Full PDB file with SEQRES, HELIX, SHEET, SSBOND, CRYST1, ORIGX, SCALE, CONECT and MASTER records, all heavy atoms in Angstrom:
SEQRES   1 A   39  LYS ARG ALA VAL GLN THR GLY GLN ALA GLN MET GLY GLU          
SEQRES   2 A   39  VAL LEU ILE SER ILE HIS GLU ASN GLU ASP PRO ILE PHE          
SEQRES   3 A   39  GLY LEU ASP VAL VAL PRO PHE VAL ALA THR SER PHE PRO          
HELIX    1 AA1 ARG A    2  GLN A    5  1                                   4    
HELIX    2 AA2 ILE A   16  HIS A   19  5                                   4    
HELIX    3 AA3 PRO A   24  VAL A   30  5                                   7    
CRYST1    1.000    1.000    1.000  90.00  90.00  90.00 P 1           1          
ORIGX1      1.000000  0.000000  0.000000        0.00000                         
ORIGX2      0.000000  1.000000  0.000000        0.00000                         
ORIGX3      0.000000  0.000000  1.000000        0.00000                         
SCALE1      1.000000  0.000000  0.000000        0.00000                         
SCALE2      0.000000  1.000000  0.000000        0.00000                         
SCALE3      0.000000  0.000000  1.000000        0.00000                         
ATOM      1  N   LYS A   1       0.830  -1.207   0.000  1.00  0.00           N  
ATOM      2  CA  LYS A   1       0.000   0.000   0.000  1.00  0.00           C  
ATOM      3  C   LYS A   1       0.864   1.257   0.000  1.00  0.00           C  
ATOM      4  O   LYS A   1       0.626   2.198  -0.771  1.00  0.00           O  
ATOM      5  CB  LYS A   1      -0.944  -0.014   1.207  1.00  0.00           C  
ATOM      6  CG  LYS A   1      -1.859   1.197   1.317  1.00  0.00           C  
ATOM      7  CD  LYS A   1      -2.900   0.974   2.403  1.00  0.00           C  
ATOM      8  CE  LYS A   1      -3.676   2.247   2.689  1.00  0.00           C  
ATOM      9  NZ  LYS A   1      -2.840   3.271   3.366  1.00  0.00           N  
ATOM     10  N   ARG A   2       1.867   1.275   0.844  1.00  0.00           N  
ATOM     11  CA  ARG A   2       2.759   2.433   0.907  1.00  0.00           C  
ATOM     12  C   ARG A   2       3.515   2.621  -0.404  1.00  0.00           C  
ATOM     13  O   ARG A   2       3.740   3.763  -0.842  1.00  0.00           O  
ATOM     14  CB  ARG A   2       3.746   2.255   2.072  1.00  0.00           C  
ATOM     15  CG  ARG A   2       4.673   3.447   2.291  1.00  0.00           C  
ATOM     16  CD  ARG A   2       3.906   4.687   2.696  1.00  0.00           C  
ATOM     17  NE  ARG A   2       4.783   5.836   2.908  1.00  0.00           N  
ATOM     18  CZ  ARG A   2       4.348   7.073   3.070  1.00  0.00           C  
ATOM     19  NH1 ARG A   2       3.047   7.333   3.049  1.00  0.00           N  
ATOM     20  NH2 ARG A   2       5.191   8.063   3.262  1.00  0.00           N  
ATOM     21  N   ALA A   3       3.881   1.520  -1.035  1.00  0.00           N  
ATOM     22  CA  ALA A   3       4.594   1.601  -2.316  1.00  0.00           C  
ATOM     23  C   ALA A   3       3.748   2.287  -3.379  1.00  0.00           C  
ATOM     24  O   ALA A   3       4.239   3.093  -4.174  1.00  0.00           O  
ATOM     25  CB  ALA A   3       5.005   0.205  -2.777  1.00  0.00           C  
ATOM     26  N   VAL A   4       2.444   1.993  -3.383  1.00  0.00           N  
ATOM     27  CA  VAL A   4       1.557   2.636  -4.357  1.00  0.00           C  
ATOM     28  C   VAL A   4       1.324   4.101  -3.973  1.00  0.00           C  
ATOM     29  O   VAL A   4       1.296   4.984  -4.840  1.00  0.00           O  
ATOM     30  CB  VAL A   4       0.226   1.866  -4.470  1.00  0.00           C  
ATOM     31  CG1 VAL A   4      -0.695   2.541  -5.491  1.00  0.00           C  
ATOM     32  CG2 VAL A   4       0.484   0.418  -4.885  1.00  0.00           C  
ATOM     33  N   GLN A   5       1.189   4.373  -2.693  1.00  0.00           N  
ATOM     34  CA  GLN A   5       1.017   5.761  -2.247  1.00  0.00           C  
ATOM     35  C   GLN A   5       2.195   6.641  -2.674  1.00  0.00           C  
ATOM     36  O   GLN A   5       2.012   7.794  -3.067  1.00  0.00           O  
ATOM     37  CB  GLN A   5       0.892   5.820  -0.719  1.00  0.00           C  
ATOM     38  CG  GLN A   5      -0.434   5.345  -0.172  1.00  0.00           C  
ATOM     39  CD  GLN A   5      -0.473   5.394   1.343  1.00  0.00           C  
ATOM     40  OE1 GLN A   5      -0.560   4.374   2.009  1.00  0.00           O  
ATOM     41  NE2 GLN A   5      -0.408   6.575   1.905  1.00  0.00           N  
ATOM     42  N   THR A   6       3.402   6.094  -2.586  1.00  0.00           N  
ATOM     43  CA  THR A   6       4.606   6.882  -2.863  1.00  0.00           C  
ATOM     44  C   THR A   6       5.065   6.790  -4.316  1.00  0.00           C  
ATOM     45  O   THR A   6       6.097   7.353  -4.676  1.00  0.00           O  
ATOM     46  CB  THR A   6       5.753   6.432  -1.947  1.00  0.00           C  
ATOM     47  OG1 THR A   6       5.980   5.030  -2.109  1.00  0.00           O  
ATOM     48  CG2 THR A   6       5.427   6.716  -0.486  1.00  0.00           C  
ATOM     49  N   GLY A   7       4.298   6.071  -5.154  1.00  0.00           N  
ATOM     50  CA  GLY A   7       4.629   6.008  -6.569  1.00  0.00           C  
ATOM     51  C   GLY A   7       5.691   5.001  -6.942  1.00  0.00           C  
ATOM     52  O   GLY A   7       6.193   5.018  -8.062  1.00  0.00           O  
ATOM     53  N   GLN A   8       6.034   4.092  -6.020  1.00  0.00           N  
ATOM     54  CA  GLN A   8       6.995   3.041  -6.364  1.00  0.00           C  
ATOM     55  C   GLN A   8       6.350   1.949  -7.210  1.00  0.00           C  
ATOM     56  O   GLN A   8       7.042   1.169  -7.864  1.00  0.00           O  
ATOM     57  CB  GLN A   8       7.587   2.443  -5.092  1.00  0.00           C  
ATOM     58  CG  GLN A   8       8.399   3.449  -4.281  1.00  0.00           C  
ATOM     59  CD  GLN A   8       8.789   2.859  -2.947  1.00  0.00           C  
ATOM     60  OE1 GLN A   8       9.631   1.971  -2.887  1.00  0.00           O  
ATOM     61  NE2 GLN A   8       8.183   3.339  -1.885  1.00  0.00           N  
ATOM     62  N   ALA A   9       5.039   1.869  -7.167  1.00  0.00           N  
ATOM     63  CA  ALA A   9       4.236   1.028  -8.053  1.00  0.00           C  
ATOM     64  C   ALA A   9       2.962   1.803  -8.332  1.00  0.00           C  
ATOM     65  O   ALA A   9       2.530   2.614  -7.505  1.00  0.00           O  
ATOM     66  CB  ALA A   9       3.920  -0.324  -7.405  1.00  0.00           C  
ATOM     67  N   GLN A  10       2.370   1.589  -9.497  1.00  0.00           N  
ATOM     68  CA  GLN A  10       1.176   2.367  -9.831  1.00  0.00           C  
ATOM     69  C   GLN A  10      -0.094   1.762  -9.274  1.00  0.00           C  
ATOM     70  O   GLN A  10      -1.050   2.485  -8.977  1.00  0.00           O  
ATOM     71  CB  GLN A  10       1.053   2.510 -11.358  1.00  0.00           C  
ATOM     72  CG  GLN A  10       2.146   3.325 -11.995  1.00  0.00           C  
ATOM     73  CD  GLN A  10       3.317   2.434 -12.427  1.00  0.00           C  
ATOM     74  OE1 GLN A  10       3.395   1.259 -12.057  1.00  0.00           O  
ATOM     75  NE2 GLN A  10       4.223   3.007 -13.212  1.00  0.00           N  
ATOM     76  N   MET A  11      -0.149   0.446  -9.179  1.00  0.00           N  
ATOM     77  CA  MET A  11      -1.309  -0.250  -8.637  1.00  0.00           C  
ATOM     78  C   MET A  11      -0.843  -1.242  -7.588  1.00  0.00           C  
ATOM     79  O   MET A  11       0.341  -1.611  -7.549  1.00  0.00           O  
ATOM     80  CB  MET A  11      -2.068  -1.004  -9.738  1.00  0.00           C  
ATOM     81  CG  MET A  11      -2.879  -0.146 -10.679  1.00  0.00           C  
ATOM     82  SD  MET A  11      -3.793  -1.205 -11.856  1.00  0.00           S  
ATOM     83  CE  MET A  11      -4.680   0.057 -12.776  1.00  0.00           C  
ATOM     84  N   GLY A  12      -1.785  -1.710  -6.771  1.00  0.00           N  
ATOM     85  CA  GLY A  12      -1.461  -2.739  -5.801  1.00  0.00           C  
ATOM     86  C   GLY A  12      -2.716  -3.401  -5.299  1.00  0.00           C  
ATOM     87  O   GLY A  12      -3.823  -2.867  -5.417  1.00  0.00           O  
ATOM     88  N   GLU A  13      -2.537  -4.606  -4.745  1.00  0.00           N  
ATOM     89  CA  GLU A  13      -3.634  -5.323  -4.107  1.00  0.00           C  
ATOM     90  C   GLU A  13      -3.180  -5.744  -2.718  1.00  0.00           C  
ATOM     91  O   GLU A  13      -2.082  -6.282  -2.556  1.00  0.00           O  
ATOM     92  CB  GLU A  13      -4.013  -6.569  -4.904  1.00  0.00           C  
ATOM     93  CG  GLU A  13      -5.178  -7.334  -4.280  1.00  0.00           C  
ATOM     94  CD  GLU A  13      -5.179  -8.813  -4.606  1.00  0.00           C  
ATOM     95  OE1 GLU A  13      -4.122  -9.471  -4.460  1.00  0.00           O  
ATOM     96  OE2 GLU A  13      -6.245  -9.320  -4.980  1.00  0.00           O  
ATOM     97  N   VAL A  14      -4.015  -5.482  -1.707  1.00  0.00           N  
ATOM     98  CA  VAL A  14      -3.668  -5.874  -0.343  1.00  0.00           C  
ATOM     99  C   VAL A  14      -4.893  -6.398   0.395  1.00  0.00           C  
ATOM    100  O   VAL A  14      -6.031  -6.048   0.068  1.00  0.00           O  
ATOM    101  CB  VAL A  14      -3.071  -4.709   0.486  1.00  0.00           C  
ATOM    102  CG1 VAL A  14      -1.803  -4.184  -0.136  1.00  0.00           C  
ATOM    103  CG2 VAL A  14      -4.083  -3.603   0.687  1.00  0.00           C  
ATOM    104  N   LEU A  15      -4.630  -7.228   1.388  1.00  0.00           N  
ATOM    105  CA  LEU A  15      -5.630  -7.577   2.382  1.00  0.00           C  
ATOM    106  C   LEU A  15      -5.778  -6.347   3.261  1.00  0.00           C  
ATOM    107  O   LEU A  15      -4.906  -6.038   4.073  1.00  0.00           O  
ATOM    108  CB  LEU A  15      -5.165  -8.781   3.202  1.00  0.00           C  
ATOM    109  CG  LEU A  15      -6.093  -9.248   4.310  1.00  0.00           C  
ATOM    110  CD1 LEU A  15      -7.338  -9.912   3.727  1.00  0.00           C  
ATOM    111  CD2 LEU A  15      -5.364 -10.205   5.242  1.00  0.00           C  
ATOM    112  N   ILE A  16      -6.862  -5.620   3.089  1.00  0.00           N  
ATOM    113  CA  ILE A  16      -6.939  -4.272   3.656  1.00  0.00           C  
ATOM    114  C   ILE A  16      -6.898  -4.267   5.185  1.00  0.00           C  
ATOM    115  O   ILE A  16      -6.454  -3.290   5.803  1.00  0.00           O  
ATOM    116  CB  ILE A  16      -8.191  -3.530   3.129  1.00  0.00           C  
ATOM    117  CG1 ILE A  16      -8.097  -2.035   3.422  1.00  0.00           C  
ATOM    118  CG2 ILE A  16      -9.452  -4.161   3.654  1.00  0.00           C  
ATOM    119  CD1 ILE A  16      -6.866  -1.344   2.841  1.00  0.00           C  
ATOM    120  N   SER A  17      -7.294  -5.351   5.819  1.00  0.00           N  
ATOM    121  CA  SER A  17      -7.320  -5.364   7.281  1.00  0.00           C  
ATOM    122  C   SER A  17      -5.934  -5.292   7.911  1.00  0.00           C  
ATOM    123  O   SER A  17      -5.814  -4.955   9.091  1.00  0.00           O  
ATOM    124  CB  SER A  17      -8.051  -6.606   7.796  1.00  0.00           C  
ATOM    125  OG  SER A  17      -7.368  -7.790   7.439  1.00  0.00           O  
ATOM    126  N   ILE A  18      -4.883  -5.567   7.138  1.00  0.00           N  
ATOM    127  CA  ILE A  18      -3.544  -5.454   7.728  1.00  0.00           C  
ATOM    128  C   ILE A  18      -3.184  -3.994   7.999  1.00  0.00           C  
ATOM    129  O   ILE A  18      -2.199  -3.714   8.680  1.00  0.00           O  
ATOM    130  CB  ILE A  18      -2.450  -6.133   6.868  1.00  0.00           C  
ATOM    131  CG1 ILE A  18      -2.236  -5.402   5.552  1.00  0.00           C  
ATOM    132  CG2 ILE A  18      -2.767  -7.594   6.644  1.00  0.00           C  
ATOM    133  CD1 ILE A  18      -1.079  -5.980   4.723  1.00  0.00           C  
ATOM    134  N   HIS A  19      -4.010  -3.082   7.496  1.00  0.00           N  
ATOM    135  CA  HIS A  19      -3.770  -1.648   7.717  1.00  0.00           C  
ATOM    136  C   HIS A  19      -4.782  -1.037   8.689  1.00  0.00           C  
ATOM    137  O   HIS A  19      -4.982   0.181   8.695  1.00  0.00           O  
ATOM    138  CB  HIS A  19      -3.783  -0.910   6.383  1.00  0.00           C  
ATOM    139  CG  HIS A  19      -2.675  -1.331   5.466  1.00  0.00           C  
ATOM    140  ND1 HIS A  19      -1.351  -1.067   5.731  1.00  0.00           N  
ATOM    141  CD2 HIS A  19      -2.698  -2.048   4.305  1.00  0.00           C  
ATOM    142  CE1 HIS A  19      -0.599  -1.581   4.767  1.00  0.00           C  
ATOM    143  NE2 HIS A  19      -1.391  -2.178   3.896  1.00  0.00           N  
ATOM    144  N   GLU A  20      -5.385  -1.861   9.531  1.00  0.00           N  
ATOM    145  CA  GLU A  20      -6.369  -1.353  10.480  1.00  0.00           C  
ATOM    146  C   GLU A  20      -5.771  -0.341  11.446  1.00  0.00           C  
ATOM    147  O   GLU A  20      -6.480   0.543  11.949  1.00  0.00           O  
ATOM    148  CB  GLU A  20      -6.998  -2.504  11.264  1.00  0.00           C  
ATOM    149  CG  GLU A  20      -8.110  -2.062  12.197  1.00  0.00           C  
ATOM    150  CD  GLU A  20      -8.785  -3.199  12.934  1.00  0.00           C  
ATOM    151  OE1 GLU A  20      -8.506  -4.374  12.610  1.00  0.00           O  
ATOM    152  OE2 GLU A  20      -9.590  -2.920  13.834  1.00  0.00           O  
ATOM    153  N   ASN A  21      -4.467  -0.431  11.697  1.00  0.00           N  
ATOM    154  CA  ASN A  21      -3.836   0.542  12.594  1.00  0.00           C  
ATOM    155  C   ASN A  21      -3.897   1.964  12.035  1.00  0.00           C  
ATOM    156  O   ASN A  21      -3.824   2.934  12.782  1.00  0.00           O  
ATOM    157  CB  ASN A  21      -2.379   0.158  12.863  1.00  0.00           C  
ATOM    158  CG  ASN A  21      -2.262  -0.929  13.916  1.00  0.00           C  
ATOM    159  OD1 ASN A  21      -3.071  -0.989  14.840  1.00  0.00           O  
ATOM    160  ND2 ASN A  21      -1.274  -1.794  13.776  1.00  0.00           N  
ATOM    161  N   GLU A  22      -4.035   2.088  10.700  1.00  0.00           N  
ATOM    162  CA  GLU A  22      -4.146   3.409  10.084  1.00  0.00           C  
ATOM    163  C   GLU A  22      -5.539   4.003  10.302  1.00  0.00           C  
ATOM    164  O   GLU A  22      -5.682   5.213  10.483  1.00  0.00           O  
ATOM    165  CB  GLU A  22      -3.880   3.320   8.578  1.00  0.00           C  
ATOM    166  CG  GLU A  22      -2.479   2.888   8.213  1.00  0.00           C  
ATOM    167  CD  GLU A  22      -2.325   2.766   6.702  1.00  0.00           C  
ATOM    168  OE1 GLU A  22      -3.140   3.360   5.969  1.00  0.00           O  
ATOM    169  OE2 GLU A  22      -1.396   2.079   6.261  1.00  0.00           O  
ATOM    170  N   ASP A  23      -6.553   3.130  10.228  1.00  0.00           N  
ATOM    171  CA  ASP A  23      -7.929   3.581  10.382  1.00  0.00           C  
ATOM    172  C   ASP A  23      -8.796   2.354  10.665  1.00  0.00           C  
ATOM    173  O   ASP A  23      -8.687   1.352   9.952  1.00  0.00           O  
ATOM    174  CB  ASP A  23      -8.418   4.263   9.100  1.00  0.00           C  
ATOM    175  CG  ASP A  23      -9.714   5.039   9.301  1.00  0.00           C  
ATOM    176  OD1 ASP A  23     -10.713   4.409   9.717  1.00  0.00           O  
ATOM    177  OD2 ASP A  23      -9.729   6.254   9.054  1.00  0.00           O  
ATOM    178  N   PRO A  24      -9.655   2.414  11.690  1.00  0.00           N  
ATOM    179  CA  PRO A  24     -10.490   1.249  11.999  1.00  0.00           C  
ATOM    180  C   PRO A  24     -11.348   0.781  10.823  1.00  0.00           C  
ATOM    181  O   PRO A  24     -11.677  -0.405  10.750  1.00  0.00           O  
ATOM    182  CB  PRO A  24     -11.377   1.754  13.149  1.00  0.00           C  
ATOM    183  CG  PRO A  24     -10.599   2.848  13.784  1.00  0.00           C  
ATOM    184  CD  PRO A  24      -9.849   3.511  12.653  1.00  0.00           C  
ATOM    185  N   ILE A  25     -11.687   1.692   9.903  1.00  0.00           N  
ATOM    186  CA  ILE A  25     -12.553   1.313   8.788  1.00  0.00           C  
ATOM    187  C   ILE A  25     -11.942   0.188   7.966  1.00  0.00           C  
ATOM    188  O   ILE A  25     -12.646  -0.624   7.371  1.00  0.00           O  
ATOM    189  CB  ILE A  25     -12.858   2.541   7.886  1.00  0.00           C  
ATOM    190  CG1 ILE A  25     -13.990   2.208   6.904  1.00  0.00           C  
ATOM    191  CG2 ILE A  25     -11.630   3.012   7.141  1.00  0.00           C  
ATOM    192  CD1 ILE A  25     -15.292   1.858   7.567  1.00  0.00           C  
ATOM    193  N   PHE A  26     -10.614   0.093   7.945  1.00  0.00           N  
ATOM    194  CA  PHE A  26      -9.949  -0.958   7.183  1.00  0.00           C  
ATOM    195  C   PHE A  26     -10.102  -2.336   7.835  1.00  0.00           C  
ATOM    196  O   PHE A  26      -9.827  -3.350   7.203  1.00  0.00           O  
ATOM    197  CB  PHE A  26      -8.460  -0.651   7.023  1.00  0.00           C  
ATOM    198  CG  PHE A  26      -8.150   0.524   6.128  1.00  0.00           C  
ATOM    199  CD1 PHE A  26      -7.009   1.282   6.338  1.00  0.00           C  
ATOM    200  CD2 PHE A  26      -8.980   0.871   5.078  1.00  0.00           C  
ATOM    201  CE1 PHE A  26      -6.693   2.365   5.515  1.00  0.00           C  
ATOM    202  CE2 PHE A  26      -8.694   1.952   4.250  1.00  0.00           C  
ATOM    203  CZ  PHE A  26      -7.548   2.701   4.474  1.00  0.00           C  
ATOM    204  N   GLY A  27     -10.530  -2.377   9.098  1.00  0.00           N  
ATOM    205  CA  GLY A  27     -10.613  -3.650   9.803  1.00  0.00           C  
ATOM    206  C   GLY A  27     -12.015  -4.156  10.065  1.00  0.00           C  
ATOM    207  O   GLY A  27     -12.185  -5.196  10.714  1.00  0.00           O  
ATOM    208  N   LEU A  28     -13.014  -3.487   9.548  1.00  0.00           N  
ATOM    209  CA  LEU A  28     -14.395  -3.872   9.855  1.00  0.00           C  
ATOM    210  C   LEU A  28     -14.726  -5.270   9.372  1.00  0.00           C  
ATOM    211  O   LEU A  28     -15.437  -6.016  10.050  1.00  0.00           O  
ATOM    212  CB  LEU A  28     -15.373  -2.860   9.259  1.00  0.00           C  
ATOM    213  CG  LEU A  28     -16.861  -3.164   9.437  1.00  0.00           C  
ATOM    214  CD1 LEU A  28     -17.208  -3.373  10.907  1.00  0.00           C  
ATOM    215  CD2 LEU A  28     -17.715  -2.054   8.843  1.00  0.00           C  
ATOM    216  N   ASP A  29     -14.229  -5.649   8.209  1.00  0.00           N  
ATOM    217  CA  ASP A  29     -14.637  -6.954   7.661  1.00  0.00           C  
ATOM    218  C   ASP A  29     -13.997  -8.138   8.381  1.00  0.00           C  
ATOM    219  O   ASP A  29     -14.338  -9.287   8.100  1.00  0.00           O  
ATOM    220  CB  ASP A  29     -14.377  -7.028   6.146  1.00  0.00           C  
ATOM    221  CG  ASP A  29     -12.922  -6.846   5.768  1.00  0.00           C  
ATOM    222  OD1 ASP A  29     -12.060  -6.856   6.662  1.00  0.00           O  
ATOM    223  OD2 ASP A  29     -12.630  -6.699   4.562  1.00  0.00           O  
ATOM    224  N   VAL A  30     -13.070  -7.899   9.322  1.00  0.00           N  
ATOM    225  CA  VAL A  30     -12.485  -9.002  10.078  1.00  0.00           C  
ATOM    226  C   VAL A  30     -12.915  -8.984  11.543  1.00  0.00           C  
ATOM    227  O   VAL A  30     -12.334  -9.673  12.379  1.00  0.00           O  
ATOM    228  CB  VAL A  30     -10.940  -9.023   9.972  1.00  0.00           C  
ATOM    229  CG1 VAL A  30     -10.513  -9.269   8.536  1.00  0.00           C  
ATOM    230  CG2 VAL A  30     -10.322  -7.733  10.497  1.00  0.00           C  
ATOM    231  N   VAL A  31     -13.943  -8.210  11.854  1.00  0.00           N  
ATOM    232  CA  VAL A  31     -14.536  -8.298  13.189  1.00  0.00           C  
ATOM    233  C   VAL A  31     -15.376  -9.577  13.211  1.00  0.00           C  
ATOM    234  O   VAL A  31     -16.302  -9.723  12.409  1.00  0.00           O  
ATOM    235  CB  VAL A  31     -15.409  -7.073  13.507  1.00  0.00           C  
ATOM    236  CG1 VAL A  31     -16.051  -7.230  14.879  1.00  0.00           C  
ATOM    237  CG2 VAL A  31     -14.576  -5.796  13.452  1.00  0.00           C  
ATOM    238  N   PRO A  32     -15.046 -10.530  14.079  1.00  0.00           N  
ATOM    239  CA  PRO A  32     -15.702 -11.842  14.018  1.00  0.00           C  
ATOM    240  C   PRO A  32     -17.221 -11.788  14.118  1.00  0.00           C  
ATOM    241  O   PRO A  32     -17.779 -11.080  14.948  1.00  0.00           O  
ATOM    242  CB  PRO A  32     -15.110 -12.582  15.226  1.00  0.00           C  
ATOM    243  CG  PRO A  32     -13.787 -11.946  15.441  1.00  0.00           C  
ATOM    244  CD  PRO A  32     -13.991 -10.499  15.107  1.00  0.00           C  
ATOM    245  N   PHE A  33     -17.854 -12.531  13.209  1.00  0.00           N  
ATOM    246  CA  PHE A  33     -19.292 -12.793  13.212  1.00  0.00           C  
ATOM    247  C   PHE A  33     -20.157 -11.579  12.883  1.00  0.00           C  
ATOM    248  O   PHE A  33     -21.373 -11.639  13.036  1.00  0.00           O  
ATOM    249  CB  PHE A  33     -19.736 -13.435  14.532  1.00  0.00           C  
ATOM    250  CG  PHE A  33     -18.956 -14.682  14.841  1.00  0.00           C  
ATOM    251  CD1 PHE A  33     -18.027 -14.691  15.871  1.00  0.00           C  
ATOM    252  CD2 PHE A  33     -19.113 -15.818  14.072  1.00  0.00           C  
ATOM    253  CE1 PHE A  33     -17.269 -15.822  16.129  1.00  0.00           C  
ATOM    254  CE2 PHE A  33     -18.367 -16.961  14.334  1.00  0.00           C  
ATOM    255  CZ  PHE A  33     -17.443 -16.965  15.369  1.00  0.00           C  
ATOM    256  N   VAL A  34     -19.551 -10.499  12.394  1.00  0.00           N  
ATOM    257  CA  VAL A  34     -20.358  -9.388  11.873  1.00  0.00           C  
ATOM    258  C   VAL A  34     -20.952  -9.790  10.528  1.00  0.00           C  
ATOM    259  O   VAL A  34     -22.140  -9.591  10.264  1.00  0.00           O  
ATOM    260  CB  VAL A  34     -19.516  -8.103  11.747  1.00  0.00           C  
ATOM    261  CG1 VAL A  34     -20.295  -7.029  10.987  1.00  0.00           C  
ATOM    262  CG2 VAL A  34     -19.126  -7.589  13.126  1.00  0.00           C  
ATOM    263  N   ALA A  35     -20.122 -10.373   9.656  1.00  0.00           N  
ATOM    264  CA  ALA A  35     -20.588 -10.874   8.356  1.00  0.00           C  
ATOM    265  C   ALA A  35     -19.912 -12.213   8.110  1.00  0.00           C  
ATOM    266  O   ALA A  35     -18.685 -12.279   7.991  1.00  0.00           O  
ATOM    267  CB  ALA A  35     -20.249  -9.886   7.248  1.00  0.00           C  
ATOM    268  N   THR A  36     -20.704 -13.284   8.033  1.00  0.00           N  
ATOM    269  CA  THR A  36     -20.119 -14.631   7.960  1.00  0.00           C  
ATOM    270  C   THR A  36     -20.498 -15.389   6.686  1.00  0.00           C  
ATOM    271  O   THR A  36     -20.056 -16.511   6.492  1.00  0.00           O  
ATOM    272  CB  THR A  36     -20.555 -15.457   9.177  1.00  0.00           C  
ATOM    273  OG1 THR A  36     -21.985 -15.574   9.181  1.00  0.00           O  
ATOM    274  CG2 THR A  36     -20.101 -14.801  10.470  1.00  0.00           C  
ATOM    275  N   SER A  37     -21.308 -14.787   5.835  1.00  0.00           N  
ATOM    276  CA  SER A  37     -21.674 -15.410   4.557  1.00  0.00           C  
ATOM    277  C   SER A  37     -21.354 -14.426   3.442  1.00  0.00           C  
ATOM    278  O   SER A  37     -21.188 -13.225   3.685  1.00  0.00           O  
ATOM    279  CB  SER A  37     -23.164 -15.764   4.535  1.00  0.00           C  
ATOM    280  OG  SER A  37     -23.953 -14.570   4.523  1.00  0.00           O  
ATOM    281  N   PHE A  38     -21.292 -14.916   2.221  1.00  0.00           N  
ATOM    282  CA  PHE A  38     -20.990 -14.020   1.109  1.00  0.00           C  
ATOM    283  C   PHE A  38     -22.080 -12.949   0.921  1.00  0.00           C  
ATOM    284  O   PHE A  38     -21.749 -11.776   0.697  1.00  0.00           O  
ATOM    285  CB  PHE A  38     -20.768 -14.815  -0.179  1.00  0.00           C  
ATOM    286  CG  PHE A  38     -19.452 -15.537  -0.197  1.00  0.00           C  
ATOM    287  CD1 PHE A  38     -19.400 -16.920  -0.064  1.00  0.00           C  
ATOM    288  CD2 PHE A  38     -18.251 -14.849  -0.326  1.00  0.00           C  
ATOM    289  CE1 PHE A  38     -18.188 -17.590  -0.070  1.00  0.00           C  
ATOM    290  CE2 PHE A  38     -17.036 -15.512  -0.333  1.00  0.00           C  
ATOM    291  CZ  PHE A  38     -17.000 -16.893  -0.199  1.00  0.00           C  
ATOM    292  N   PRO A  39     -23.370 -13.282   1.026  1.00  0.00           N  
ATOM    293  CA  PRO A  39     -24.377 -12.211   0.929  1.00  0.00           C  
ATOM    294  C   PRO A  39     -24.207 -11.155   2.021  1.00  0.00           C  
ATOM    295  O   PRO A  39     -24.346  -9.951   1.760  1.00  0.00           O  
ATOM    296  CB  PRO A  39     -25.707 -12.968   1.076  1.00  0.00           C  
ATOM    297  CG  PRO A  39     -25.411 -14.334   0.568  1.00  0.00           C  
ATOM    298  CD  PRO A  39     -24.009 -14.619   1.031  1.00  0.00           C  
TER     299      PRO A  39                                                      
MASTER        0    0    0    3    0    0    0    6  298    1    0    3          
END                                                                             
């Protein structure tokens, strides 16, 4: 993520929850049992 922010790569893909320390919004989908099915 930082590499794309700083222009070391133009695109990137990350498991966004690893950046929850930056903002809680990035970690919502890994709060247990909030959403447990694909729908």
